[in-house]
Amino acid sequence: MMVGRKSLLKRILIVDVPMLLILTFTLGPYLWMLLTSLTSENRLFTEGPSLAGATLENYIRLFSTVGFLTNLIHSFIIAAGTVVVGLSLSVTAAYSFSRFSFRGKRYLLLQFLIINMFPVVLLILPLFVMMRVLGILDTHLALIIANATVAIPFSVWMMTSYMNGIPKSLDEAAMTDGCTRLGALWRVVLPLCTPGIIATGIYIFITAWNEYLYALTLGGRNVRPITVAIQTLIGEYEVEWGLLTSGGIIGAMPATILFLIVQKRLISGLTQGAVKG
């Protein structure tokens, strides 16, 4: 019995208590945001955040006066468009890197990795000039293209690693049975890559959803995603803390819900893509 109690106490001190502290440290700011968003503006500055008299006043104001629903729609269009463009290009590029041997293959793959070493701010000026010349500045298309430049390099690496684990003999068998190269990709490789595609798509979606610099520089007027809309709630002399925290909670919910829905497939895709090839 004493040995069992000592083992239980040791597990609590070594595992449970540190995990509880880590959860408190990581979830504390989000719980404080939620508590602040449920506190009315009057009570917030007099009594501070409190569950006493919790209200949805800030959320109602956020959608009725600030027009946050329009900002959410803009963010959904940009994130979904980036997923379509990013997956289309990264899957086909990854298939080429995985199935074909050509001069400069390793060099090109290395370039995709090197791109991620540079900060996004270096691309803002050339992208701004290019979008203005093309006449698509402050449009959904401009932000989709800009976000794709950030998401595609890592996505290509991720999908290439995943496809390297699929035997080339499956492609050859499909083409022997009459499939074209594109047909083998569509009918054989893509179904086997479903976990990797889902993981990559979620990565692209979250990257585009949370992006701020491109949204502020290449959009911000006609097209205003939630990241820019939340920033406008911070005034020069006053900060709308209730609206700011409620906007942060609403803005974080889509990516969080999406992650919880496909959590198993996401983890499967990330781990398999990391060890294959």
C-alpha atoms as a PDB file:
ATOM      1  CA  MET A   1       0.000   0.000   0.000  1.00  0.00           C
ATOM      2  CA  MET A   2       2.809   2.394   0.916  1.00  0.00           C
ATOM      3  CA  VAL A   3       4.518   1.705  -2.388  1.00  0.00           C
ATOM      4  CA  GLY A   4       1.282   2.406  -4.243  1.00  0.00           C
ATOM      5  CA  ARG A   5       0.753   5.680  -2.401  1.00  0.00           C
ATOM      6  CA  LYS A   6       4.323   6.785  -3.043  1.00  0.00           C
ATOM      7  CA  SER A   7       3.927   5.939  -6.735  1.00  0.00           C
ATOM      8  CA  LEU A   8       0.655   7.887  -6.897  1.00  0.00           C
ATOM      9  CA  LEU A   9       2.183  10.891  -5.113  1.00  0.00           C
ATOM     10  CA  LYS A  10       5.210  10.800  -7.410  1.00  0.00           C
ATOM     11  CA  ARG A  11       2.986  10.723 -10.509  1.00  0.00           C
ATOM     12  CA  ILE A  12       0.951  13.661  -9.216  1.00  0.00           C
ATOM     13  CA  LEU A  13       4.053  15.742  -8.478  1.00  0.00           C
ATOM     14  CA  ILE A  14       5.941  14.844 -11.650  1.00  0.00           C
ATOM     15  CA  VAL A  15       3.111  14.620 -14.202  1.00  0.00           C
ATOM     16  CA  ASP A  16      -0.217  16.025 -13.023  1.00  0.00           C
ATOM     17  CA  VAL A  17       0.938  19.233 -11.304  1.00  0.00           C
ATOM     18  CA  PRO A  18       3.296  20.339 -14.140  1.00  0.00           C
ATOM     19  CA  MET A  19       0.608  19.608 -16.734  1.00  0.00           C
ATOM     20  CA  LEU A  20      -1.921  21.610 -14.706  1.00  0.00           C
ATOM     21  CA  LEU A  21       0.494  24.536 -14.534  1.00  0.00           C
ATOM     22  CA  ILE A  22       1.155  24.348 -18.281  1.00  0.00           C
ATOM     23  CA  LEU A  23      -2.598  24.265 -19.053  1.00  0.00           C
ATOM     24  CA  THR A  24      -3.182  27.217 -16.733  1.00  0.00           C
ATOM     25  CA  PHE A  25      -0.402  29.168 -18.424  1.00  0.00           C
ATOM     26  CA  THR A  26      -1.613  28.412 -21.973  1.00  0.00           C
ATOM     27  CA  LEU A  27      -5.378  28.583 -21.457  1.00  0.00           C
ATOM     28  CA  GLY A  28      -5.345  31.428 -18.930  1.00  0.00           C
ATOM     29  CA  PRO A  29      -5.271  34.275 -21.498  1.00  0.00           C
ATOM     30  CA  TYR A  30      -8.130  32.717 -23.504  1.00  0.00           C
ATOM     31  CA  LEU A  31     -10.267  32.226 -20.404  1.00  0.00           C
ATOM     32  CA  TRP A  32      -9.557  35.843 -19.401  1.00  0.00           C
ATOM     33  CA  MET A  33     -10.594  36.992 -22.896  1.00  0.00           C
ATOM     34  CA  LEU A  34     -13.829  35.005 -22.629  1.00  0.00           C
ATOM     35  CA  LEU A  35     -14.539  36.431 -19.187  1.00  0.00           C
ATOM     36  CA  THR A  36     -13.877  39.972 -20.417  1.00  0.00           C
ATOM     37  CA  SER A  37     -16.091  39.518 -23.467  1.00  0.00           C
ATOM     38  CA  LEU A  38     -19.007  38.420 -21.248  1.00  0.00           C
ATOM     39  CA  THR A  39     -18.710  41.504 -19.013  1.00  0.00           C
ATOM     40  CA  SER A  40     -20.678  44.638 -19.897  1.00  0.00           C
ATOM     41  CA  GLU A  41     -18.715  47.778 -20.755  1.00  0.00           C
ATOM     42  CA  ASN A  42     -19.911  49.637 -17.637  1.00  0.00           C
ATOM     43  CA  ARG A  43     -18.986  46.864 -15.188  1.00  0.00           C
ATOM     44  CA  LEU A  44     -15.698  46.218 -16.990  1.00  0.00           C
ATOM     45  CA  PHE A  45     -14.164  49.557 -15.958  1.00  0.00           C
ATOM     46  CA  THR A  46     -15.712  49.717 -12.507  1.00  0.00           C
ATOM     47  CA  GLU A  47     -15.551  46.150 -11.191  1.00  0.00           C
ATOM     48  CA  GLY A  48     -13.352  44.371 -13.743  1.00  0.00           C
ATOM     49  CA  PRO A  49     -14.111  41.124 -15.602  1.00  0.00           C
ATOM     50  CA  SER A  50     -16.603  38.973 -13.739  1.00  0.00           C
ATOM     51  CA  LEU A  51     -19.127  36.215 -14.393  1.00  0.00           C
ATOM     52  CA  ALA A  52     -21.632  38.076 -12.212  1.00  0.00           C
ATOM     53  CA  GLY A  53     -24.163  39.580 -14.579  1.00  0.00           C
ATOM     54  CA  ALA A  54     -22.603  37.909 -17.639  1.00  0.00           C
ATOM     55  CA  THR A  55     -24.088  39.255 -20.844  1.00  0.00           C
ATOM     56  CA  LEU A  56     -23.766  38.863 -24.621  1.00  0.00           C
ATOM     57  CA  GLU A  57     -23.930  42.630 -25.087  1.00  0.00           C
ATOM     58  CA  ASN A  58     -20.434  42.855 -26.588  1.00  0.00           C
ATOM     59  CA  TYR A  59     -21.153  40.104 -29.134  1.00  0.00           C
ATOM     60  CA  ILE A  60     -24.415  41.773 -30.156  1.00  0.00           C
ATOM     61  CA  ARG A  61     -22.657  45.121 -30.598  1.00  0.00           C
ATOM     62  CA  LEU A  62     -19.869  43.444 -32.530  1.00  0.00           C
ATOM     63  CA  PHE A  63     -22.250  42.198 -35.234  1.00  0.00           C
ATOM     64  CA  SER A  64     -24.850  44.973 -35.162  1.00  0.00           C
ATOM     65  CA  THR A  65     -22.665  48.100 -35.081  1.00  0.00           C
ATOM     66  CA  VAL A  66     -19.176  47.030 -36.162  1.00  0.00           C
ATOM     67  CA  GLY A  67     -20.317  44.778 -39.042  1.00  0.00           C
ATOM     68  CA  PHE A  68     -18.150  41.853 -37.991  1.00  0.00           C
ATOM     69  CA  LEU A  69     -20.191  39.381 -40.048  1.00  0.00           C
ATOM     70  CA  THR A  70     -18.934  40.983 -43.275  1.00  0.00           C
ATOM     71  CA  ASN A  71     -15.361  40.695 -42.019  1.00  0.00           C
ATOM     72  CA  LEU A  72     -15.910  37.001 -41.258  1.00  0.00           C
ATOM     73  CA  ILE A  73     -17.216  36.425 -44.793  1.00  0.00           C
ATOM     74  CA  HIS A  74     -14.137  38.157 -46.237  1.00  0.00           C
ATOM     75  CA  SER A  75     -11.868  35.950 -44.131  1.00  0.00           C
ATOM     76  CA  PHE A  76     -13.722  32.783 -45.171  1.00  0.00           C
ATOM     77  CA  ILE A  77     -13.470  33.682 -48.868  1.00  0.00           C
ATOM     78  CA  ILE A  78      -9.748  34.431 -48.589  1.00  0.00           C
ATOM     79  CA  ALA A  79      -8.932  31.347 -46.490  1.00  0.00           C
ATOM     80  CA  ALA A  80     -11.011  28.981 -48.649  1.00  0.00           C
ATOM     81  CA  GLY A  81      -9.548  30.418 -51.859  1.00  0.00           C
ATOM     82  CA  THR A  82      -6.038  30.054 -50.482  1.00  0.00           C
ATOM     83  CA  VAL A  83      -6.748  26.407 -49.611  1.00  0.00           C
ATOM     84  CA  VAL A  84      -7.952  25.698 -53.171  1.00  0.00           C
ATOM     85  CA  VAL A  85      -4.989  27.447 -54.819  1.00  0.00           C
ATOM     86  CA  GLY A  86      -2.447  26.147 -52.320  1.00  0.00           C
ATOM     87  CA  LEU A  87      -3.578  22.518 -52.482  1.00  0.00           C
ATOM     88  CA  SER A  88      -3.866  22.540 -56.279  1.00  0.00           C
ATOM     89  CA  LEU A  89      -0.311  23.778 -56.715  1.00  0.00           C
ATOM     90  CA  SER A  90       1.342  21.973 -53.806  1.00  0.00           C
ATOM     91  CA  VAL A  91      -0.188  18.554 -54.606  1.00  0.00           C
ATOM     92  CA  THR A  92       0.808  18.671 -58.277  1.00  0.00           C
ATOM     93  CA  ALA A  93       4.267  20.040 -57.450  1.00  0.00           C
ATOM     94  CA  ALA A  94       4.763  17.395 -54.766  1.00  0.00           C
ATOM     95  CA  TYR A  95       3.756  14.661 -57.229  1.00  0.00           C
ATOM     96  CA  SER A  96       6.343  15.924 -59.705  1.00  0.00           C
ATOM     97  CA  PHE A  97       9.088  16.017 -57.064  1.00  0.00           C
ATOM     98  CA  SER A  98       8.120  12.575 -55.784  1.00  0.00           C
ATOM     99  CA  ARG A  99       7.694  10.730 -59.084  1.00  0.00           C
ATOM    100  CA  PHE A 100      10.126  12.343 -61.544  1.00  0.00           C
ATOM    101  CA  SER A 101      13.891  12.717 -61.575  1.00  0.00           C
ATOM    102  CA  PHE A 102      15.212  15.854 -63.275  1.00  0.00           C
ATOM    103  CA  ARG A 103      18.192  18.150 -63.084  1.00  0.00           C
ATOM    104  CA  GLY A 104      18.046  20.617 -60.197  1.00  0.00           C
ATOM    105  CA  LYS A 105      15.377  18.689 -58.294  1.00  0.00           C
ATOM    106  CA  ARG A 106      17.117  18.875 -54.919  1.00  0.00           C
ATOM    107  CA  TYR A 107      18.046  22.515 -55.556  1.00  0.00           C
ATOM    108  CA  LEU A 108      14.411  23.451 -56.240  1.00  0.00           C
ATOM    109  CA  LEU A 109      13.222  21.633 -53.121  1.00  0.00           C
ATOM    110  CA  LEU A 110      15.860  23.485 -51.132  1.00  0.00           C
ATOM    111  CA  GLN A 111      14.573  26.779 -52.527  1.00  0.00           C
ATOM    112  CA  PHE A 112      11.113  26.018 -51.161  1.00  0.00           C
ATOM    113  CA  LEU A 113      12.692  25.519 -47.747  1.00  0.00           C
ATOM    114  CA  ILE A 114      14.841  28.658 -47.945  1.00  0.00           C
ATOM    115  CA  ILE A 115      11.806  30.818 -48.753  1.00  0.00           C
ATOM    116  CA  ASN A 116      10.409  30.094 -45.276  1.00  0.00           C
ATOM    117  CA  MET A 117      13.574  31.522 -43.708  1.00  0.00           C
ATOM    118  CA  PHE A 118      12.754  35.074 -44.809  1.00  0.00           C
ATOM    119  CA  PRO A 119      10.135  37.238 -43.060  1.00  0.00           C
ATOM    120  CA  VAL A 120       6.864  37.976 -44.828  1.00  0.00           C
ATOM    121  CA  VAL A 121       7.481  41.722 -44.658  1.00  0.00           C
ATOM    122  CA  LEU A 122      10.164  41.418 -47.381  1.00  0.00           C
ATOM    123  CA  LEU A 123       7.519  40.351 -49.915  1.00  0.00           C
ATOM    124  CA  ILE A 124       4.975  43.061 -49.134  1.00  0.00           C
ATOM    125  CA  LEU A 125       6.463  45.829 -51.303  1.00  0.00           C
ATOM    126  CA  PRO A 126       6.998  43.750 -54.499  1.00  0.00           C
ATOM    127  CA  LEU A 127       3.566  42.138 -54.087  1.00  0.00           C
ATOM    128  CA  PHE A 128       1.971  45.559 -53.568  1.00  0.00           C
ATOM    129  CA  VAL A 129       3.562  46.887 -56.764  1.00  0.00           C
ATOM    130  CA  MET A 130       2.575  43.784 -58.710  1.00  0.00           C
ATOM    131  CA  MET A 131      -1.038  43.859 -57.469  1.00  0.00           C
ATOM    132  CA  ARG A 132      -1.342  47.557 -58.316  1.00  0.00           C
ATOM    133  CA  VAL A 133      -0.002  47.008 -61.852  1.00  0.00           C
ATOM    134  CA  LEU A 134      -2.447  44.126 -62.368  1.00  0.00           C
ATOM    135  CA  GLY A 135      -5.314  46.214 -60.980  1.00  0.00           C
ATOM    136  CA  ILE A 136      -6.334  43.679 -58.332  1.00  0.00           C
ATOM    137  CA  LEU A 137      -5.202  45.591 -55.257  1.00  0.00           C
ATOM    138  CA  ASP A 138      -7.667  45.425 -52.337  1.00  0.00           C
ATOM    139  CA  THR A 139      -9.485  42.387 -53.728  1.00  0.00           C
ATOM    140  CA  HIS A 140      -9.967  38.820 -52.541  1.00  0.00           C
ATOM    141  CA  LEU A 141      -7.816  37.550 -55.399  1.00  0.00           C
ATOM    142  CA  ALA A 142      -4.859  39.697 -54.321  1.00  0.00           C
ATOM    143  CA  LEU A 143      -4.952  38.347 -50.764  1.00  0.00           C
ATOM    144  CA  ILE A 144      -5.423  34.762 -51.951  1.00  0.00           C
ATOM    145  CA  ILE A 145      -2.321  35.004 -54.165  1.00  0.00           C
ATOM    146  CA  ALA A 146      -0.322  36.698 -51.400  1.00  0.00           C
ATOM    147  CA  ASN A 147      -1.281  34.123 -48.765  1.00  0.00           C
ATOM    148  CA  ALA A 148      -0.482  31.312 -51.191  1.00  0.00           C
ATOM    149  CA  THR A 149       3.123  32.550 -51.420  1.00  0.00           C
ATOM    150  CA  VAL A 150       3.479  31.847 -47.692  1.00  0.00           C
ATOM    151  CA  ALA A 151       1.559  28.566 -47.535  1.00  0.00           C
ATOM    152  CA  ILE A 152       2.776  26.747 -50.659  1.00  0.00           C
ATOM    153  CA  PRO A 153       6.517  26.263 -49.855  1.00  0.00           C
ATOM    154  CA  PHE A 154       5.935  24.289 -46.647  1.00  0.00           C
ATOM    155  CA  SER A 155       2.934  22.521 -48.183  1.00  0.00           C
ATOM    156  CA  VAL A 156       5.090  21.241 -51.057  1.00  0.00           C
ATOM    157  CA  TRP A 157       7.614  19.806 -48.609  1.00  0.00           C
ATOM    158  CA  MET A 158       4.874  18.225 -46.529  1.00  0.00           C
ATOM    159  CA  MET A 159       3.082  16.607 -49.479  1.00  0.00           C
ATOM    160  CA  THR A 160       6.352  15.479 -51.083  1.00  0.00           C
ATOM    161  CA  SER A 161       7.332  13.642 -47.909  1.00  0.00           C
ATOM    162  CA  TYR A 162       3.926  12.008 -47.785  1.00  0.00           C
ATOM    163  CA  MET A 163       3.900  10.942 -51.449  1.00  0.00           C
ATOM    164  CA  ASN A 164       7.392   9.477 -51.169  1.00  0.00           C
ATOM    165  CA  GLY A 165       5.869   6.834 -48.915  1.00  0.00           C
ATOM    166  CA  ILE A 166       3.438   5.674 -51.615  1.00  0.00           C
ATOM    167  CA  PRO A 167       5.047   3.018 -53.869  1.00  0.00           C
ATOM    168  CA  LYS A 168       5.603   4.094 -57.463  1.00  0.00           C
ATOM    169  CA  SER A 169       4.499   0.617 -58.544  1.00  0.00           C
ATOM    170  CA  LEU A 170       0.893   1.648 -57.856  1.00  0.00           C
ATOM    171  CA  ASP A 171       1.155   4.433 -60.442  1.00  0.00           C
ATOM    172  CA  GLU A 172       2.774   2.093 -62.928  1.00  0.00           C
ATOM    173  CA  ALA A 173       0.082  -0.554 -62.398  1.00  0.00           C
ATOM    174  CA  ALA A 174      -2.652   2.044 -62.968  1.00  0.00           C
ATOM    175  CA  MET A 175      -1.004   3.279 -66.176  1.00  0.00           C
ATOM    176  CA  THR A 176      -0.569  -0.318 -67.351  1.00  0.00           C
ATOM    177  CA  ASP A 177      -4.331  -0.744 -66.954  1.00  0.00           C
ATOM    178  CA  GLY A 178      -4.955   2.269 -69.215  1.00  0.00           C
ATOM    179  CA  CYS A 179      -4.778   5.303 -66.892  1.00  0.00           C
ATOM    180  CA  THR A 180      -2.887   8.380 -67.942  1.00  0.00           C
ATOM    181  CA  ARG A 181      -0.342   9.958 -65.598  1.00  0.00           C
ATOM    182  CA  LEU A 182      -2.998  12.439 -64.470  1.00  0.00           C
ATOM    183  CA  GLY A 183      -5.517   9.629 -64.095  1.00  0.00           C
ATOM    184  CA  ALA A 184      -3.106   7.680 -61.891  1.00  0.00           C
ATOM    185  CA  LEU A 185      -2.665  10.759 -59.717  1.00  0.00           C
ATOM    186  CA  TRP A 186      -6.431  11.286 -59.446  1.00  0.00           C
ATOM    187  CA  ARG A 187      -7.537   7.661 -58.996  1.00  0.00           C
ATOM    188  CA  VAL A 188      -4.665   6.111 -57.058  1.00  0.00           C
ATOM    189  CA  VAL A 189      -2.357   8.622 -55.359  1.00  0.00           C
ATOM    190  CA  LEU A 190      -4.832  11.231 -54.132  1.00  0.00           C
ATOM    191  CA  PRO A 191      -7.104   8.750 -52.279  1.00  0.00           C
ATOM    192  CA  LEU A 192      -4.052   7.369 -50.470  1.00  0.00           C
ATOM    193  CA  CYS A 193      -2.912  10.921 -49.660  1.00  0.00           C
ATOM    194  CA  THR A 194      -6.211  11.950 -48.049  1.00  0.00           C
ATOM    195  CA  PRO A 195      -4.816  12.355 -44.481  1.00  0.00           C
ATOM    196  CA  GLY A 196      -1.869  14.354 -45.794  1.00  0.00           C
ATOM    197  CA  ILE A 197      -4.107  16.533 -47.963  1.00  0.00           C
ATOM    198  CA  ILE A 198      -6.407  17.237 -45.018  1.00  0.00           C
ATOM    199  CA  ALA A 199      -3.464  18.141 -42.772  1.00  0.00           C
ATOM    200  CA  THR A 200      -1.976  20.392 -45.441  1.00  0.00           C
ATOM    201  CA  GLY A 201      -5.342  22.019 -46.157  1.00  0.00           C
ATOM    202  CA  ILE A 202      -5.859  22.819 -42.477  1.00  0.00           C
ATOM    203  CA  TYR A 203      -2.356  24.283 -42.270  1.00  0.00           C
ATOM    204  CA  ILE A 204      -3.069  26.515 -45.276  1.00  0.00           C
ATOM    205  CA  PHE A 205      -6.481  27.539 -43.905  1.00  0.00           C
ATOM    206  CA  ILE A 206      -5.113  28.527 -40.492  1.00  0.00           C
ATOM    207  CA  THR A 207      -2.182  30.371 -42.072  1.00  0.00           C
ATOM    208  CA  ALA A 208      -4.503  32.411 -44.315  1.00  0.00           C
ATOM    209  CA  TRP A 209      -7.085  32.931 -41.558  1.00  0.00           C
ATOM    210  CA  ASN A 210      -4.566  34.405 -39.098  1.00  0.00           C
ATOM    211  CA  GLU A 211      -2.537  36.454 -41.611  1.00  0.00           C
ATOM    212  CA  TYR A 212      -2.395  40.177 -40.797  1.00  0.00           C
ATOM    213  CA  LEU A 213       0.373  42.013 -42.699  1.00  0.00           C
ATOM    214  CA  TYR A 214      -0.863  41.095 -46.173  1.00  0.00           C
ATOM    215  CA  ALA A 215      -4.465  41.783 -45.147  1.00  0.00           C
ATOM    216  CA  LEU A 216      -3.533  45.251 -43.895  1.00  0.00           C
ATOM    217  CA  THR A 217      -1.252  46.229 -46.797  1.00  0.00           C
ATOM    218  CA  LEU A 218      -2.944  44.615 -49.797  1.00  0.00           C
ATOM    219  CA  GLY A 219      -6.499  45.029 -48.488  1.00  0.00           C
ATOM    220  CA  GLY A 220      -8.066  46.845 -45.571  1.00  0.00           C
ATOM    221  CA  ARG A 221     -10.664  49.026 -47.323  1.00  0.00           C
ATOM    222  CA  ASN A 222     -13.031  47.142 -49.602  1.00  0.00           C
ATOM    223  CA  VAL A 223     -11.753  43.782 -48.347  1.00  0.00           C
ATOM    224  CA  ARG A 224     -11.223  43.769 -44.599  1.00  0.00           C
ATOM    225  CA  PRO A 225     -10.611  40.374 -42.938  1.00  0.00           C
ATOM    226  CA  ILE A 226     -11.161  39.869 -39.226  1.00  0.00           C
ATOM    227  CA  THR A 227      -7.491  40.391 -38.349  1.00  0.00           C
ATOM    228  CA  VAL A 228      -7.667  43.942 -39.692  1.00  0.00           C
ATOM    229  CA  ALA A 229     -11.177  44.524 -38.315  1.00  0.00           C
ATOM    230  CA  ILE A 230     -10.076  43.587 -34.795  1.00  0.00           C
ATOM    231  CA  GLN A 231      -7.117  45.954 -35.027  1.00  0.00           C
ATOM    232  CA  THR A 232      -9.447  48.870 -35.832  1.00  0.00           C
ATOM    233  CA  LEU A 233     -11.083  48.416 -32.414  1.00  0.00           C
ATOM    234  CA  ILE A 234      -7.884  49.752 -30.852  1.00  0.00           C
ATOM    235  CA  GLY A 235      -8.262  53.538 -30.921  1.00  0.00           C
ATOM    236  CA  GLU A 236      -5.677  56.210 -30.261  1.00  0.00           C
ATOM    237  CA  TYR A 237      -7.209  57.278 -26.946  1.00  0.00           C
ATOM    238  CA  GLU A 238      -9.546  54.405 -26.110  1.00  0.00           C
ATOM    239  CA  VAL A 239      -9.607  50.623 -26.454  1.00  0.00           C
ATOM    240  CA  GLU A 240     -12.940  48.830 -26.734  1.00  0.00           C
ATOM    241  CA  TRP A 241     -11.904  45.910 -24.547  1.00  0.00           C
ATOM    242  CA  GLY A 242     -15.294  44.232 -24.627  1.00  0.00           C
ATOM    243  CA  LEU A 243     -15.523  44.353 -28.428  1.00  0.00           C
ATOM    244  CA  LEU A 244     -11.829  43.511 -28.797  1.00  0.00           C
ATOM    245  CA  THR A 245     -12.017  40.345 -26.704  1.00  0.00           C
ATOM    246  CA  SER A 246     -15.324  39.204 -28.200  1.00  0.00           C
ATOM    247  CA  GLY A 247     -13.865  39.724 -31.673  1.00  0.00           C
ATOM    248  CA  GLY A 248     -10.839  37.667 -30.679  1.00  0.00           C
ATOM    249  CA  ILE A 249     -13.051  34.834 -29.399  1.00  0.00           C
ATOM    250  CA  ILE A 250     -15.186  34.815 -32.565  1.00  0.00           C
ATOM    251  CA  GLY A 251     -12.103  35.027 -34.771  1.00  0.00           C
ATOM    252  CA  ALA A 252     -10.450  32.050 -33.079  1.00  0.00           C
ATOM    253  CA  MET A 253     -13.538  29.810 -33.142  1.00  0.00           C
ATOM    254  CA  PRO A 254     -13.559  28.686 -36.836  1.00  0.00           C
ATOM    255  CA  ALA A 255      -9.958  27.452 -36.821  1.00  0.00           C
ATOM    256  CA  THR A 256     -10.444  25.848 -33.388  1.00  0.00           C
ATOM    257  CA  ILE A 257     -13.655  24.047 -34.392  1.00  0.00           C
ATOM    258  CA  LEU A 258     -12.086  22.893 -37.658  1.00  0.00           C
ATOM    259  CA  PHE A 259      -9.099  21.500 -35.776  1.00  0.00           C
ATOM    260  CA  LEU A 260     -11.312  19.628 -33.293  1.00  0.00           C
ATOM    261  CA  ILE A 261     -13.418  18.099 -36.083  1.00  0.00           C
ATOM    262  CA  VAL A 262     -10.490  16.688 -38.056  1.00  0.00           C
ATOM    263  CA  GLN A 263      -8.012  16.326 -35.202  1.00  0.00           C
ATOM    264  CA  LYS A 264      -7.311  12.629 -35.781  1.00  0.00           C
ATOM    265  CA  ARG A 265      -6.773  13.004 -39.517  1.00  0.00           C
ATOM    266  CA  LEU A 266      -4.593  16.069 -38.951  1.00  0.00           C
ATOM    267  CA  ILE A 267      -2.304  14.271 -36.509  1.00  0.00           C
ATOM    268  CA  SER A 268      -2.189  11.218 -38.791  1.00  0.00           C
ATOM    269  CA  GLY A 269      -1.258  13.327 -41.804  1.00  0.00           C
ATOM    270  CA  LEU A 270       1.413  15.297 -39.977  1.00  0.00           C
ATOM    271  CA  THR A 271       3.094  12.254 -38.420  1.00  0.00           C
ATOM    272  CA  GLN A 272       3.009  10.115 -41.558  1.00  0.00           C
ATOM    273  CA  GLY A 273       4.289  12.988 -43.677  1.00  0.00           C
ATOM    274  CA  ALA A 274       7.111  13.522 -41.205  1.00  0.00           C
ATOM    275  CA  VAL A 275       8.456   9.966 -41.203  1.00  0.00           C
ATOM    276  CA  LYS A 276       7.864   8.801 -44.770  1.00  0.00           C
ATOM    277  CA  GLY A 277      10.413   9.227 -47.530  1.00  0.00           C
END
